[in-house]
Each structure stands twice: as structure tokens, then as C-alpha cells.
Protein backbone atom coordinates (compact mmCIF):
# COMPACT_ATOMS: atom_id res chain seq x y z
CA MET A 1 0.00 0.00 0.00
CA ASN A 2 1.20 3.51 -0.69
CA ASN A 3 1.58 6.12 2.02
CA GLN A 4 -1.70 7.87 1.20
CA ILE A 5 -3.72 4.67 1.65
CA ILE A 6 -1.92 3.88 4.94
CA GLU A 7 -2.54 7.42 6.21
CA ALA A 8 -6.23 7.22 5.29
CA GLN A 9 -6.61 3.89 7.09
CA ASN A 10 -4.75 5.20 10.13
CA LEU A 11 -6.93 8.32 10.23
CA ASN A 12 -10.08 6.21 10.08
CA GLU A 13 -8.80 3.94 12.87
CA VAL A 14 -7.67 6.65 15.28
CA SER A 15 -10.78 8.75 14.56
CA THR A 16 -12.97 5.84 15.63
CA ILE A 17 -10.92 5.29 18.78
CA LEU A 18 -10.96 8.98 19.72
CA LEU A 19 -14.72 9.28 19.18
CA LYS A 20 -15.32 6.30 21.47
CA LYS A 21 -13.20 8.05 24.11
CA GLY A 22 -15.33 11.21 23.94
CA PHE A 23 -13.06 13.26 21.66
CA MET A 24 -14.22 15.19 18.61
CA LEU A 25 -12.05 15.45 15.51
CA TYR A 26 -11.93 18.30 13.00
CA ARG A 27 -9.95 18.38 9.77
CA PRO A 28 -8.66 21.74 8.43
CA GLU A 29 -9.02 22.55 4.76
CA ALA A 30 -5.25 22.11 4.31
CA ASP A 31 -2.26 20.79 6.24
CA VAL A 32 -0.97 24.12 7.54
CA ASP A 33 1.99 24.47 9.87
CA GLY A 34 2.19 20.74 10.52
CA VAL A 35 -1.46 20.26 11.56
CA ASP A 36 -3.28 17.24 10.10
CA PHE A 37 -6.33 17.57 12.33
CA ILE A 38 -7.57 19.19 15.52
CA ILE A 39 -9.19 17.26 18.35
CA GLN A 40 -11.48 18.56 21.04
CA THR A 41 -10.87 16.69 24.28
CA PRO A 42 -13.67 15.58 26.63
CA GLU A 43 -12.58 18.56 28.80
CA ASN A 44 -13.23 20.95 25.86
CA ASN A 45 -9.59 21.70 25.06
CA PHE A 46 -8.40 21.85 21.46
CA LEU A 47 -5.18 20.12 20.43
CA LYS A 48 -3.33 20.54 17.14
CA CYS A 49 -2.31 17.08 15.92
CA GLN A 50 0.05 15.53 13.40
CA LEU A 51 -0.69 11.94 12.36
CA LYS A 52 2.22 9.52 11.84
CA SER A 53 2.55 5.76 11.39
CA ARG A 54 5.34 5.55 14.03
CA ALA A 55 7.01 7.66 16.72
CA TYR A 56 8.33 10.66 14.83
CA VAL A 57 10.01 13.96 15.76
CA LEU A 58 11.31 16.79 13.61
CA TRP A 59 12.24 19.86 15.61
CA ASN A 60 12.66 22.25 12.68
CA LYS A 61 9.06 21.61 11.60
CA TYR A 62 7.14 20.72 14.76
CA GLY A 63 9.27 21.94 17.66
CA ASN A 64 7.98 24.63 20.03
CA LYS A 65 4.62 24.85 18.22
CA ASN A 66 2.36 23.12 20.76
CA ILE A 67 1.69 20.26 18.32
CA TYR A 68 0.67 16.77 19.44
CA MET A 69 1.93 13.67 17.66
CA VAL A 70 -0.56 10.83 17.11
CA PHE A 71 0.77 7.42 16.12
CA PRO A 72 0.20 3.68 16.71
CA GLU A 73 2.35 0.87 17.95
CA HIS A 74 3.04 -2.04 15.61
CA GLY A 75 0.12 -4.44 15.18
CA ASP A 76 -3.17 -5.09 13.47
CA SER A 77 -5.64 -2.25 12.98
CA PHE A 78 -8.07 -1.77 15.89
CA ASN A 79 -5.99 -4.22 17.92
CA ARG A 80 -3.06 -2.00 18.86
CA GLU A 81 -2.30 0.94 21.11
CA TRP A 82 -2.35 4.54 19.91
CA TYR A 83 -0.45 7.44 21.48
CA LEU A 84 -1.24 11.14 21.85
CA ILE A 85 1.77 13.11 23.08
CA PRO A 86 3.17 16.64 22.74
CA HIS A 87 5.85 16.65 20.05
CA ASP A 88 8.37 18.34 22.35
CA THR A 89 7.85 15.73 25.07
CA LEU A 90 8.28 12.91 22.55
CA PHE A 91 11.34 14.71 21.20
CA GLN A 92 13.02 14.64 24.62
CA ILE A 93 12.16 10.96 25.10
CA LEU A 94 13.57 9.94 21.71
CA LYS A 95 16.60 12.18 22.15
CA SER A 96 17.43 10.44 25.42
CA LEU A 97 17.28 7.10 23.59
CA HIS A 98 18.79 7.98 20.21
CA GLY A 99 20.40 11.41 20.52
CA ASP A 100 23.91 9.94 20.20
CA ALA A 101 23.11 8.19 16.92
CA PRO A 102 24.95 9.64 13.88
CA ASN A 103 21.68 10.16 11.99
CA TRP A 104 20.00 12.13 14.79
CA ASN A 105 21.41 15.39 13.40
CA HIS A 106 20.18 14.98 9.84
CA SER A 107 22.08 16.95 7.21
CA GLU A 108 18.84 18.38 5.79
CA PHE A 109 16.21 18.14 8.54
CA GLY A 110 18.28 18.90 11.63
CA GLU A 111 17.35 17.03 14.83
CA TYR A 112 15.09 14.32 13.48
CA TRP A 113 14.14 10.70 14.26
CA HIS A 114 11.44 8.15 13.59
CA THR A 115 11.08 4.65 14.93
CA PRO A 116 8.50 1.90 15.51
CA VAL A 117 7.28 1.66 19.10
CA SER A 118 9.57 -0.84 20.81
CA LYS A 119 8.80 -2.44 24.19
CA LYS A 120 11.15 0.06 25.87
CA LEU A 121 9.54 3.02 24.14
CA ALA A 122 6.03 1.66 24.85
CA ASN A 123 6.89 1.63 28.54
CA ASP A 124 8.09 5.25 28.37
CA LEU A 125 4.91 6.23 26.52
CA LYS A 126 2.34 4.25 28.50
CA SER A 127 0.86 7.31 30.22
CA PHE A 128 0.36 8.94 26.81
CA ALA A 129 -1.59 5.99 25.42
CA ILE A 130 -5.08 7.06 24.35
CA SER A 131 -6.50 4.14 26.32
CA SER A 132 -4.52 5.02 29.47
CA PRO A 133 -6.63 5.73 32.57
CA THR A 134 -3.78 7.78 34.06
CA ASN A 135 -1.85 10.88 33.14
CA GLN A 136 1.92 11.15 32.78
CA TRP A 137 2.41 11.48 36.54
CA GLY A 138 0.71 8.14 37.11
CA ASN A 139 -2.38 9.68 38.68
CA LYS A 140 -5.92 8.80 37.71
CA ILE A 141 -7.49 11.23 35.26
CA LEU A 142 -10.73 12.39 36.82
CA SER A 143 -13.64 13.88 34.94
CA SER A 144 -15.84 16.48 36.61
CA ASN A 145 -18.52 13.98 37.64
CA GLU A 146 -15.88 11.94 39.54
CA LEU A 147 -14.82 14.84 41.75
CA THR A 148 -15.83 15.13 45.39
CA SER A 149 -15.89 18.26 47.51
CA GLU A 150 -13.46 16.56 49.95
CA MET A 151 -10.75 16.63 47.27
CA PHE A 152 -10.82 20.43 47.40
CA ASP A 153 -11.31 20.74 51.16
CA LEU A 154 -7.90 22.36 51.61
CA ASP A 155 -6.45 25.49 53.13
CA ALA A 156 -4.21 27.21 50.58
CA GLU A 157 -1.54 28.14 53.11
CA LYS A 158 -1.58 25.13 55.42
CA ASP A 159 -1.99 22.57 52.63
CA TRP A 160 0.14 24.30 50.00
CA GLU A 161 2.21 21.24 49.10
CA GLN A 162 -0.89 19.09 48.63
CA LEU A 163 -2.60 21.90 46.72
CA SER A 164 0.37 22.23 44.37
CA LYS A 165 -0.05 18.59 43.38
CA ILE A 166 -3.76 18.86 42.73
CA GLY A 167 -3.28 19.81 39.10
CA HIS A 168 -1.27 16.67 38.43
CA SER A 169 -3.71 14.47 40.32
CA PHE A 170 -6.71 15.79 38.41
CA ASN A 171 -4.84 16.23 35.11
CA GLY A 172 -5.37 19.95 35.49
CA TYR A 173 -2.16 21.43 34.19
CA THR A 174 -2.38 19.50 30.93
CA GLU A 175 -5.95 20.74 30.46
CA LEU A 176 -4.90 24.38 30.50
CA PRO A 177 -5.26 26.11 27.14
CA ASN A 178 -2.24 27.59 25.41
CA ASP A 179 -1.60 30.04 22.56
CA SER A 180 -4.42 32.52 21.96
CA ALA A 181 -6.64 30.88 24.59
CA SER A 182 -4.27 32.14 27.27
CA GLU A 183 -5.73 35.61 26.76
CA LEU A 184 -9.20 34.25 27.54
CA MET A 185 -7.88 32.58 30.69
CA SER A 186 -6.19 35.79 31.73
CA ALA A 187 -9.43 37.72 31.24
CA LEU A 188 -11.36 35.10 33.23
CA TYR A 189 -8.81 35.35 36.03
CA GLN A 190 -8.82 39.16 36.08
CA ARG A 191 -12.60 39.24 36.32
CA SER A 192 -12.55 36.76 39.19
CA ALA A 193 -9.68 38.47 40.98
CA LEU A 194 -10.85 42.06 40.64
CA GLU A 195 -14.61 41.68 40.70
CA LYS A 196 -14.74 38.64 43.00
CA GLU A 197 -17.01 36.99 40.46
CA PHE A 198 -16.29 33.32 39.87
CA PRO A 199 -17.64 31.35 36.89
CA ASP A 200 -20.43 28.87 37.50
CA SER A 201 -19.08 25.98 35.43
CA ILE A 202 -17.11 23.37 37.39
CA PHE A 203 -14.84 22.98 34.36
CA ASN A 204 -14.04 26.71 34.30
CA LEU A 205 -13.59 26.75 38.06
CA ARG A 206 -11.03 23.97 37.81
CA LEU A 207 -9.22 25.71 34.97
CA LEU A 208 -9.13 28.91 37.00
CA LEU A 209 -7.57 27.09 39.94
CA PHE A 210 -4.92 25.40 37.79
CA TRP A 211 -4.21 28.68 36.00
CA LYS A 212 -3.58 30.48 39.30
CA LEU A 213 -1.42 27.66 40.66
CA ARG A 214 0.68 27.63 37.50
CA MET A 215 1.14 31.41 37.63
CA LEU A 216 2.28 31.19 41.25
CA HIS A 217 4.61 28.31 40.43
CA MET A 218 6.21 30.32 37.62
CA GLY A 219 6.37 33.48 39.72
CA GLY A 220 7.81 31.75 42.76
CA GLU A 221 6.12 33.98 45.34
CA VAL A 222 2.84 33.52 47.21
CA ASN A 223 1.32 36.16 49.50
CA ASP A 224 -1.67 36.38 51.84
CA THR A 225 -3.86 37.83 49.08
CA ASP A 226 -3.12 34.78 46.91
CA TYR A 227 -4.02 32.41 49.74
CA GLU A 228 -7.27 34.29 50.41
CA TRP A 229 -8.30 34.25 46.74
CA ILE A 230 -7.51 30.55 46.31
CA ASN A 231 -9.45 29.64 49.44
CA ALA A 232 -12.47 31.55 48.10
CA LEU A 233 -12.17 29.65 44.83
CA LEU A 234 -11.82 26.31 46.62
CA PHE A 235 -14.99 27.13 48.58
CA LYS A 236 -16.82 27.89 45.31
CA ILE A 237 -15.63 24.59 43.82
CA ARG A 238 -16.84 22.63 46.85
CA GLN A 239 -20.20 24.39 46.66
CA LYS A 240 -20.55 23.58 42.97
CA ILE A 241 -19.63 19.91 43.41
CA ASN A 242 -22.11 19.56 46.27
CA SER A 243 -24.89 21.17 44.23
CA LEU A 244 -24.20 18.91 41.26
CA SER A 245 -24.22 15.81 43.45
CA LYS A 246 -27.80 16.62 44.52
CA LEU A 247 -29.12 16.70 40.96
């Protein structure tokens, strides 16, 4: 089979798998800037994706562009694992395995590699498998209806270490939007911070919490005003979860 037929079959296979997992898939009119298709996650985030038939990285084309690579392991169609992973994360994994190879620095493409998914690589990629019930930190990925108010029953100052891990535990940091959507998140945060008006959606409340935690992590400083605002947001999240549980 030629490459176009293989790509069409792979697209049909992974589209079916993604739809069963609650994703939506959209195809642009043309392959622009390395994007074969865009998926909408069950958490309503949009990911730019490049479809390949094996693990593949090419920094000059895909690096630092917030593109996700989608590819299968070796095996029969609909009876094999598929992976969804940020290109730059896959790049670091493959570089650690093959960066010393003479062909890693390609004369034309620069830092470049492609390989079938070996047992070693499959183990490194297991948390990025589309079928995986955990995220890359090994924690269970929880949807909104699986949350309990007790999970957010924390004091921002006293329980800071536990609070800092909450984004990993609930897959929060990977749900945060990037690129142009960061402006929307910033506007949402400013409205909540200045007007003390929190959104009503549990999804947006979670995003707001993860956004604030990431800002504080990057800034490196936390003050009493930050603690007070986070505690107010945690209270709103607990209220929302409790109200949803009564429906």
C-alpha cells in the first residue's frame, strides 16, 4: 500500500478510537503548519495534531509549536495501542534514547528521528496511550462527575504542598489552554480576581484554579492575598460539586 492509503486507514482507525473516548475530531481545509487535524478533548480543550505511522520527531518543523503527535504501535488495525503526546515531550524521550546516533542530526532536517514503538519506548509512553486511565504522573485522570468536595477541602496556606499537586492528580495542568486561549484565561482570572465573580461551570472553576497555581509556580512567590483568593475559589468549587451531586 502507498503512504496515502496507509494514512487514510490510520486516520479512520484513530478517529474511531478517539470518538469512542469522547473526543471530537476536525480536519482543516489544508495541512498548515504541521497540523493534520484538531481534536477537542472531553474537557473541551483543542489540540493541534500531526498523524504519523510511528514515533516521529522533527524539531525544525514541529518543535515549540504546541503540536501533538498521534501514532500507533506495531500491530493489526483496531488491535493495537495509539499514542497522543506533545511533540516536544516525545522529542526529549527519543533524544534520550537515540540522541547519540549519527543520523540524529540529519544533514537536511536537523534534529530528526522516527522509529516503531519498541517495548522500551512503549513503557516510556504508556501514560500517553489514548486508552490510558492515568496521566503522565501516574495519577488517575478524573472527569468532573468523579470529583468530590473533599478533594478540594484544603487550606491554601496550610496545605500548600498538597494543593500544588492537585493539578497533576486531576490532570489539570495538561488541560490548560495555550496560545491565543491564554488571553481568555487571563481575562477570566482578572474578572474573578478584581470583581470577586467566579464562573459557574465546574470545568471553568477547575481551569481557573490550575491557571492560578501555575502562575504562582512560575512566579515563585505567594502572598496572603493569593491564599485568600484561592481559598475563596476552593470554597466555590466545593459548593458547585455539592450542588451537582444533589441533581
